[in-house]
Amino acid sequence: MCRSSESPLDRILSGLGDLPAWVAEQPADQLGTVIIKGREIIDRSEAVTAEATRRFDKAGGYKADGFLGMVPWLRVNGKLSGGAAAERVETARQLKELPRTEEALARGEIGYQHAVAMARAAEHVGAAQVRKAEATLLKAAETMDPGQFVGVAKSFEHQVDAEAVLAEANRAHARRISRWARSAMAWSGSRGRSSPRSRRCFGRGWNPS
């Protein structure tokens, strides 16, 4: 029976205190479920702490402890390496723009490393691009281990990059044609008449011969 004054964190810590003795009593060949459930608890906790990290970071709560940024605060207080702390801060920030991904992590439908891959894709190509394909990517994440899913996320990034490069190339080509056309018209107008070459260009379409 839990007390009304106990927070969810208090109840979780109390349960964790009881867990070792309980696990010790379980048959060794049935501990697979314990491992799976334990990993799910860790991943779902990452979703909760991601939101807490994001809000604490935005509020500048780390300043009260004398830190200049969220990453060094988390490195010390979260007992993480610098790289792991930076990853969690950036992932927390990106997940704000990927609500379906954060919800899937909170429900245990995907693991934390799946969410990291999604966050990195958003960092590389923009959250708006990832949101367009978020449902499809999440379905893939649910059926793959994180290592496999990283490959899918990278392929998605390359596809978006290729489309962006092609679109920009087309826009640049159109700009060059427009500038050339204006220059040619201005040149022919300044001479008071159109040349045979310009008549061929604008009368029958561009023909460089």
C-alpha atoms as a PDB file:
ATOM      1  CA  MET A   1       0.000   0.000   0.000  1.00  0.00           C
ATOM      2  CA  CYS A   2       1.561   3.279  -1.087  1.00  0.00           C
ATOM      3  CA  ARG A   3       1.364   6.464   0.915  1.00  0.00           C
ATOM      4  CA  SER A   4      -0.193   9.519  -0.700  1.00  0.00           C
ATOM      5  CA  SER A   5       2.948  11.517   0.105  1.00  0.00           C
ATOM      6  CA  GLU A   6       5.128   9.134  -1.903  1.00  0.00           C
ATOM      7  CA  SER A   7       6.071  10.278  -5.370  1.00  0.00           C
ATOM      8  CA  PRO A   8       6.221   7.856  -8.312  1.00  0.00           C
ATOM      9  CA  LEU A   9      10.007   8.065  -8.037  1.00  0.00           C
ATOM     10  CA  ASP A  10       9.839   7.002  -4.383  1.00  0.00           C
ATOM     11  CA  ARG A  11       7.738   3.983  -5.323  1.00  0.00           C
ATOM     12  CA  ILE A  12      10.090   3.035  -8.170  1.00  0.00           C
ATOM     13  CA  LEU A  13      13.129   3.249  -5.895  1.00  0.00           C
ATOM     14  CA  SER A  14      11.346   1.189  -3.261  1.00  0.00           C
ATOM     15  CA  GLY A  15      10.574  -1.459  -5.850  1.00  0.00           C
ATOM     16  CA  LEU A  16      14.144  -1.473  -7.057  1.00  0.00           C
ATOM     17  CA  GLY A  17      15.252  -2.047  -3.481  1.00  0.00           C
ATOM     18  CA  ASP A  18      13.108  -5.178  -3.335  1.00  0.00           C
ATOM     19  CA  LEU A  19      14.080  -6.394  -6.787  1.00  0.00           C
ATOM     20  CA  PRO A  20      17.451  -8.095  -6.129  1.00  0.00           C
ATOM     21  CA  ALA A  21      16.045 -10.454  -3.491  1.00  0.00           C
ATOM     22  CA  TRP A  22      13.076 -11.296  -5.707  1.00  0.00           C
ATOM     23  CA  VAL A  23      15.290 -11.962  -8.745  1.00  0.00           C
ATOM     24  CA  ALA A  24      17.506 -14.225  -6.653  1.00  0.00           C
ATOM     25  CA  GLU A  25      14.493 -16.457  -5.993  1.00  0.00           C
ATOM     26  CA  GLN A  26      13.547 -16.842  -9.674  1.00  0.00           C
ATOM     27  CA  PRO A  27      14.591 -19.952 -11.648  1.00  0.00           C
ATOM     28  CA  ALA A  28      17.628 -19.125 -13.769  1.00  0.00           C
ATOM     29  CA  ASP A  29      16.003 -20.444 -16.948  1.00  0.00           C
ATOM     30  CA  GLN A  30      13.093 -18.035 -16.506  1.00  0.00           C
ATOM     31  CA  LEU A  31      15.101 -14.842 -16.085  1.00  0.00           C
ATOM     32  CA  GLY A  32      14.673 -13.862 -19.733  1.00  0.00           C
ATOM     33  CA  THR A  33      11.436 -12.074 -18.847  1.00  0.00           C
ATOM     34  CA  VAL A  34      13.203 -10.190 -16.051  1.00  0.00           C
ATOM     35  CA  ILE A  35      15.873  -9.018 -18.501  1.00  0.00           C
ATOM     36  CA  ILE A  36      13.317  -7.926 -21.103  1.00  0.00           C
ATOM     37  CA  LYS A  37      11.162  -6.109 -18.566  1.00  0.00           C
ATOM     38  CA  GLY A  38      14.221  -4.518 -17.000  1.00  0.00           C
ATOM     39  CA  ARG A  39      15.335  -3.138 -20.369  1.00  0.00           C
ATOM     40  CA  GLU A  40      11.815  -1.846 -21.053  1.00  0.00           C
ATOM     41  CA  ILE A  41      11.813  -0.024 -17.720  1.00  0.00           C
ATOM     42  CA  ILE A  42      15.149   1.594 -18.580  1.00  0.00           C
ATOM     43  CA  ASP A  43      13.963   2.690 -22.037  1.00  0.00           C
ATOM     44  CA  ARG A  44      10.674   4.065 -20.759  1.00  0.00           C
ATOM     45  CA  SER A  45      12.532   5.900 -18.023  1.00  0.00           C
ATOM     46  CA  GLU A  46      14.681   7.511 -20.736  1.00  0.00           C
ATOM     47  CA  ALA A  47      11.511   9.012 -22.245  1.00  0.00           C
ATOM     48  CA  VAL A  48      10.534  10.521 -18.897  1.00  0.00           C
ATOM     49  CA  THR A  49      14.006  11.874 -18.184  1.00  0.00           C
ATOM     50  CA  ALA A  50      14.215  13.266 -21.737  1.00  0.00           C
ATOM     51  CA  GLU A  51      11.215  15.495 -21.035  1.00  0.00           C
ATOM     52  CA  ALA A  52      12.614  16.429 -17.637  1.00  0.00           C
ATOM     53  CA  THR A  53      16.001  17.206 -19.206  1.00  0.00           C
ATOM     54  CA  ARG A  54      14.398  19.407 -21.846  1.00  0.00           C
ATOM     55  CA  ARG A  55      12.373  21.412 -19.348  1.00  0.00           C
ATOM     56  CA  PHE A  56      15.225  21.706 -16.842  1.00  0.00           C
ATOM     57  CA  ASP A  57      17.535  22.832 -19.646  1.00  0.00           C
ATOM     58  CA  LYS A  58      15.066  25.454 -20.899  1.00  0.00           C
ATOM     59  CA  ALA A  59      14.555  26.779 -17.381  1.00  0.00           C
ATOM     60  CA  GLY A  60      18.316  27.027 -16.854  1.00  0.00           C
ATOM     61  CA  GLY A  61      18.021  24.965 -13.674  1.00  0.00           C
ATOM     62  CA  TYR A  62      21.669  23.897 -13.943  1.00  0.00           C
ATOM     63  CA  LYS A  63      22.789  27.470 -13.146  1.00  0.00           C
ATOM     64  CA  ALA A  64      21.700  27.131  -9.513  1.00  0.00           C
ATOM     65  CA  ASP A  65      24.339  24.417  -9.118  1.00  0.00           C
ATOM     66  CA  GLY A  66      27.043  26.582 -10.636  1.00  0.00           C
ATOM     67  CA  PHE A  67      27.137  24.968 -14.091  1.00  0.00           C
ATOM     68  CA  LEU A  68      27.352  26.853 -17.365  1.00  0.00           C
ATOM     69  CA  GLY A  69      25.314  24.377 -19.411  1.00  0.00           C
ATOM     70  CA  MET A  70      23.071  21.341 -19.308  1.00  0.00           C
ATOM     71  CA  VAL A  71      25.666  18.898 -20.644  1.00  0.00           C
ATOM     72  CA  PRO A  72      28.267  19.424 -17.876  1.00  0.00           C
ATOM     73  CA  TRP A  73      25.489  19.367 -15.260  1.00  0.00           C
ATOM     74  CA  LEU A  74      24.185  16.039 -16.569  1.00  0.00           C
ATOM     75  CA  ARG A  75      27.680  14.599 -16.912  1.00  0.00           C
ATOM     76  CA  VAL A  76      28.337  15.160 -13.207  1.00  0.00           C
ATOM     77  CA  ASN A  77      24.894  14.610 -11.699  1.00  0.00           C
ATOM     78  CA  GLY A  78      23.808  11.894 -14.102  1.00  0.00           C
ATOM     79  CA  LYS A  79      27.107  10.007 -13.761  1.00  0.00           C
ATOM     80  CA  LEU A  80      27.590   9.990 -17.539  1.00  0.00           C
ATOM     81  CA  SER A  81      30.516  10.475 -19.885  1.00  0.00           C
ATOM     82  CA  GLY A  82      30.626  13.771 -21.755  1.00  0.00           C
ATOM     83  CA  GLY A  83      29.509  12.068 -24.965  1.00  0.00           C
ATOM     84  CA  ALA A  84      26.610  10.257 -23.292  1.00  0.00           C
ATOM     85  CA  ALA A  85      25.462  13.470 -21.587  1.00  0.00           C
ATOM     86  CA  ALA A  86      25.609  15.433 -24.846  1.00  0.00           C
ATOM     87  CA  GLU A  87      23.658  12.680 -26.624  1.00  0.00           C
ATOM     88  CA  ARG A  88      20.863  12.773 -24.074  1.00  0.00           C
ATOM     89  CA  VAL A  89      20.575  16.544 -24.111  1.00  0.00           C
ATOM     90  CA  GLU A  90      20.438  16.693 -27.922  1.00  0.00           C
ATOM     91  CA  THR A  91      18.031  13.750 -28.091  1.00  0.00           C
ATOM     92  CA  ALA A  92      15.747  15.421 -25.545  1.00  0.00           C
ATOM     93  CA  ARG A  93      15.713  18.617 -27.603  1.00  0.00           C
ATOM     94  CA  GLN A  94      14.945  16.827 -30.864  1.00  0.00           C
ATOM     95  CA  LEU A  95      12.218  14.638 -29.360  1.00  0.00           C
ATOM     96  CA  LYS A  96      10.206  17.755 -28.607  1.00  0.00           C
ATOM     97  CA  GLU A  97       9.759  18.059 -32.382  1.00  0.00           C
ATOM     98  CA  LEU A  98       9.043  14.329 -32.794  1.00  0.00           C
ATOM     99  CA  PRO A  99       6.062  13.682 -30.491  1.00  0.00           C
ATOM    100  CA  ARG A 100       5.195  10.289 -32.009  1.00  0.00           C
ATOM    101  CA  THR A 101       8.713   9.052 -31.378  1.00  0.00           C
ATOM    102  CA  GLU A 102       8.712  10.284 -27.781  1.00  0.00           C
ATOM    103  CA  GLU A 103       5.317   8.659 -27.177  1.00  0.00           C
ATOM    104  CA  ALA A 104       6.485   5.362 -28.689  1.00  0.00           C
ATOM    105  CA  LEU A 105       9.532   5.401 -26.393  1.00  0.00           C
ATOM    106  CA  ALA A 106       7.377   6.203 -23.355  1.00  0.00           C
ATOM    107  CA  ARG A 107       5.095   3.243 -24.167  1.00  0.00           C
ATOM    108  CA  GLY A 108       8.027   0.872 -24.626  1.00  0.00           C
ATOM    109  CA  GLU A 109       7.265   0.287 -28.307  1.00  0.00           C
ATOM    110  CA  ILE A 110      10.794   1.301 -29.293  1.00  0.00           C
ATOM    111  CA  GLY A 111      14.072   1.436 -27.399  1.00  0.00           C
ATOM    112  CA  TYR A 112      16.126   4.444 -26.435  1.00  0.00           C
ATOM    113  CA  GLN A 113      18.694   3.790 -29.191  1.00  0.00           C
ATOM    114  CA  HIS A 114      15.878   3.803 -31.767  1.00  0.00           C
ATOM    115  CA  ALA A 115      14.874   7.233 -30.474  1.00  0.00           C
ATOM    116  CA  VAL A 116      18.489   8.407 -30.685  1.00  0.00           C
ATOM    117  CA  ALA A 117      18.598   7.401 -34.370  1.00  0.00           C
ATOM    118  CA  MET A 118      15.403   9.350 -35.025  1.00  0.00           C
ATOM    119  CA  ALA A 119      16.758  12.381 -33.153  1.00  0.00           C
ATOM    120  CA  ARG A 120      20.004  12.303 -35.120  1.00  0.00           C
ATOM    121  CA  ALA A 121      18.103  12.123 -38.394  1.00  0.00           C
ATOM    122  CA  ALA A 122      16.112  15.189 -37.309  1.00  0.00           C
ATOM    123  CA  GLU A 123      19.347  16.969 -36.404  1.00  0.00           C
ATOM    124  CA  HIS A 124      20.834  16.184 -39.834  1.00  0.00           C
ATOM    125  CA  VAL A 125      17.895  16.803 -42.197  1.00  0.00           C
ATOM    126  CA  GLY A 126      15.439  18.734 -40.027  1.00  0.00           C
ATOM    127  CA  ALA A 127      12.604  17.593 -37.782  1.00  0.00           C
ATOM    128  CA  ALA A 128      10.004  18.598 -40.378  1.00  0.00           C
ATOM    129  CA  GLN A 129      11.426  16.079 -42.853  1.00  0.00           C
ATOM    130  CA  VAL A 130      11.476  13.319 -40.232  1.00  0.00           C
ATOM    131  CA  ARG A 131       7.887  14.051 -39.162  1.00  0.00           C
ATOM    132  CA  LYS A 132       6.716  13.434 -42.725  1.00  0.00           C
ATOM    133  CA  ALA A 133       8.071   9.884 -42.524  1.00  0.00           C
ATOM    134  CA  GLU A 134       7.793   9.401 -38.759  1.00  0.00           C
ATOM    135  CA  ALA A 135       5.017   6.803 -38.835  1.00  0.00           C
ATOM    136  CA  THR A 136       6.839   4.681 -41.420  1.00  0.00           C
ATOM    137  CA  LEU A 137      10.164   4.954 -39.614  1.00  0.00           C
ATOM    138  CA  LEU A 138       8.588   3.976 -36.298  1.00  0.00           C
ATOM    139  CA  LYS A 139       7.018   0.876 -37.838  1.00  0.00           C
ATOM    140  CA  ALA A 140      10.468  -0.127 -39.040  1.00  0.00           C
ATOM    141  CA  ALA A 141      11.964   0.587 -35.612  1.00  0.00           C
ATOM    142  CA  GLU A 142       9.436  -1.711 -33.922  1.00  0.00           C
ATOM    143  CA  THR A 143      10.616  -4.669 -36.017  1.00  0.00           C
ATOM    144  CA  MET A 144      14.389  -4.045 -35.976  1.00  0.00           C
ATOM    145  CA  ASP A 145      17.157  -3.907 -33.433  1.00  0.00           C
ATOM    146  CA  PRO A 146      18.768  -0.456 -33.111  1.00  0.00           C
ATOM    147  CA  GLY A 147      21.791  -1.440 -35.195  1.00  0.00           C
ATOM    148  CA  GLN A 148      19.584  -2.398 -38.118  1.00  0.00           C
ATOM    149  CA  PHE A 149      17.407   0.676 -37.682  1.00  0.00           C
ATOM    150  CA  VAL A 150      20.389   3.027 -37.788  1.00  0.00           C
ATOM    151  CA  GLY A 151      20.951   1.816 -41.354  1.00  0.00           C
ATOM    152  CA  VAL A 152      17.329   2.611 -42.238  1.00  0.00           C
ATOM    153  CA  ALA A 153      17.616   6.071 -40.683  1.00  0.00           C
ATOM    154  CA  LYS A 154      20.844   6.767 -42.580  1.00  0.00           C
ATOM    155  CA  SER A 155      19.240   5.677 -45.858  1.00  0.00           C
ATOM    156  CA  PHE A 156      16.356   8.041 -45.145  1.00  0.00           C
ATOM    157  CA  GLU A 157      18.803  10.895 -44.508  1.00  0.00           C
ATOM    158  CA  HIS A 158      20.611  10.210 -47.788  1.00  0.00           C
ATOM    159  CA  GLN A 159      17.312  10.117 -49.686  1.00  0.00           C
ATOM    160  CA  VAL A 160      16.254  13.470 -48.231  1.00  0.00           C
ATOM    161  CA  ASP A 161      19.694  14.944 -48.938  1.00  0.00           C
ATOM    162  CA  ALA A 162      19.614  13.703 -52.541  1.00  0.00           C
ATOM    163  CA  GLU A 163      16.161  15.168 -53.106  1.00  0.00           C
ATOM    164  CA  ALA A 164      17.262  18.473 -51.568  1.00  0.00           C
ATOM    165  CA  VAL A 165      20.387  18.584 -53.736  1.00  0.00           C
ATOM    166  CA  LEU A 166      18.366  17.829 -56.876  1.00  0.00           C
ATOM    167  CA  ALA A 167      15.734  20.443 -56.010  1.00  0.00           C
ATOM    168  CA  GLU A 168      18.412  23.077 -55.388  1.00  0.00           C
ATOM    169  CA  ALA A 169      20.174  22.143 -58.654  1.00  0.00           C
ATOM    170  CA  ASN A 170      16.897  22.570 -60.536  1.00  0.00           C
ATOM    171  CA  ARG A 171      16.288  25.930 -58.867  1.00  0.00           C
ATOM    172  CA  ALA A 172      19.830  27.060 -59.656  1.00  0.00           C
ATOM    173  CA  HIS A 173      19.410  25.992 -63.298  1.00  0.00           C
ATOM    174  CA  ALA A 174      16.136  27.907 -63.551  1.00  0.00           C
ATOM    175  CA  ARG A 175      17.801  30.987 -62.051  1.00  0.00           C
ATOM    176  CA  ARG A 176      20.649  30.784 -64.583  1.00  0.00           C
ATOM    177  CA  ILE A 177      18.208  30.468 -67.515  1.00  0.00           C
ATOM    178  CA  SER A 178      16.177  33.407 -66.195  1.00  0.00           C
ATOM    179  CA  ARG A 179      19.267  35.595 -65.814  1.00  0.00           C
ATOM    180  CA  TRP A 180      20.509  34.611 -69.296  1.00  0.00           C
ATOM    181  CA  ALA A 181      17.117  35.391 -70.840  1.00  0.00           C
ATOM    182  CA  ARG A 182      16.943  38.823 -69.178  1.00  0.00           C
ATOM    183  CA  SER A 183      20.489  39.613 -70.250  1.00  0.00           C
ATOM    184  CA  ALA A 184      19.849  38.528 -73.831  1.00  0.00           C
ATOM    185  CA  MET A 185      16.640  40.551 -74.060  1.00  0.00           C
ATOM    186  CA  ALA A 186      18.338  43.598 -72.563  1.00  0.00           C
ATOM    187  CA  TRP A 187      21.247  43.259 -75.001  1.00  0.00           C
ATOM    188  CA  SER A 188      19.008  42.966 -78.040  1.00  0.00           C
ATOM    189  CA  GLY A 189      16.823  45.840 -76.814  1.00  0.00           C
ATOM    190  CA  SER A 190      19.830  48.092 -76.346  1.00  0.00           C
ATOM    191  CA  ARG A 191      20.683  47.638 -80.029  1.00  0.00           C
ATOM    192  CA  GLY A 192      17.187  48.656 -81.062  1.00  0.00           C
ATOM    193  CA  ARG A 193      16.514  45.432 -82.893  1.00  0.00           C
ATOM    194  CA  SER A 194      16.811  41.745 -82.340  1.00  0.00           C
ATOM    195  CA  SER A 195      19.643  39.861 -83.927  1.00  0.00           C
ATOM    196  CA  PRO A 196      19.131  36.763 -86.078  1.00  0.00           C
ATOM    197  CA  ARG A 197      20.543  34.680 -83.219  1.00  0.00           C
ATOM    198  CA  SER A 198      18.164  36.180 -80.633  1.00  0.00           C
ATOM    199  CA  ARG A 199      15.234  35.720 -83.048  1.00  0.00           C
ATOM    200  CA  ARG A 200      16.159  32.057 -83.304  1.00  0.00           C
ATOM    201  CA  CYS A 201      16.414  31.824 -79.499  1.00  0.00           C
ATOM    202  CA  PHE A 202      13.145  33.506 -78.615  1.00  0.00           C
ATOM    203  CA  GLY A 203      11.119  32.961 -81.740  1.00  0.00           C
ATOM    204  CA  ARG A 204      11.517  29.221 -82.072  1.00  0.00           C
ATOM    205  CA  GLY A 205      12.987  28.229 -78.692  1.00  0.00           C
ATOM    206  CA  TRP A 206      16.646  28.006 -77.791  1.00  0.00           C
ATOM    207  CA  ASN A 207      18.735  26.732 -80.683  1.00  0.00           C
ATOM    208  CA  PRO A 208      22.465  27.363 -80.206  1.00  0.00           C
ATOM    209  CA  SER A 209      23.412  26.340 -83.752  1.00  0.00           C
END
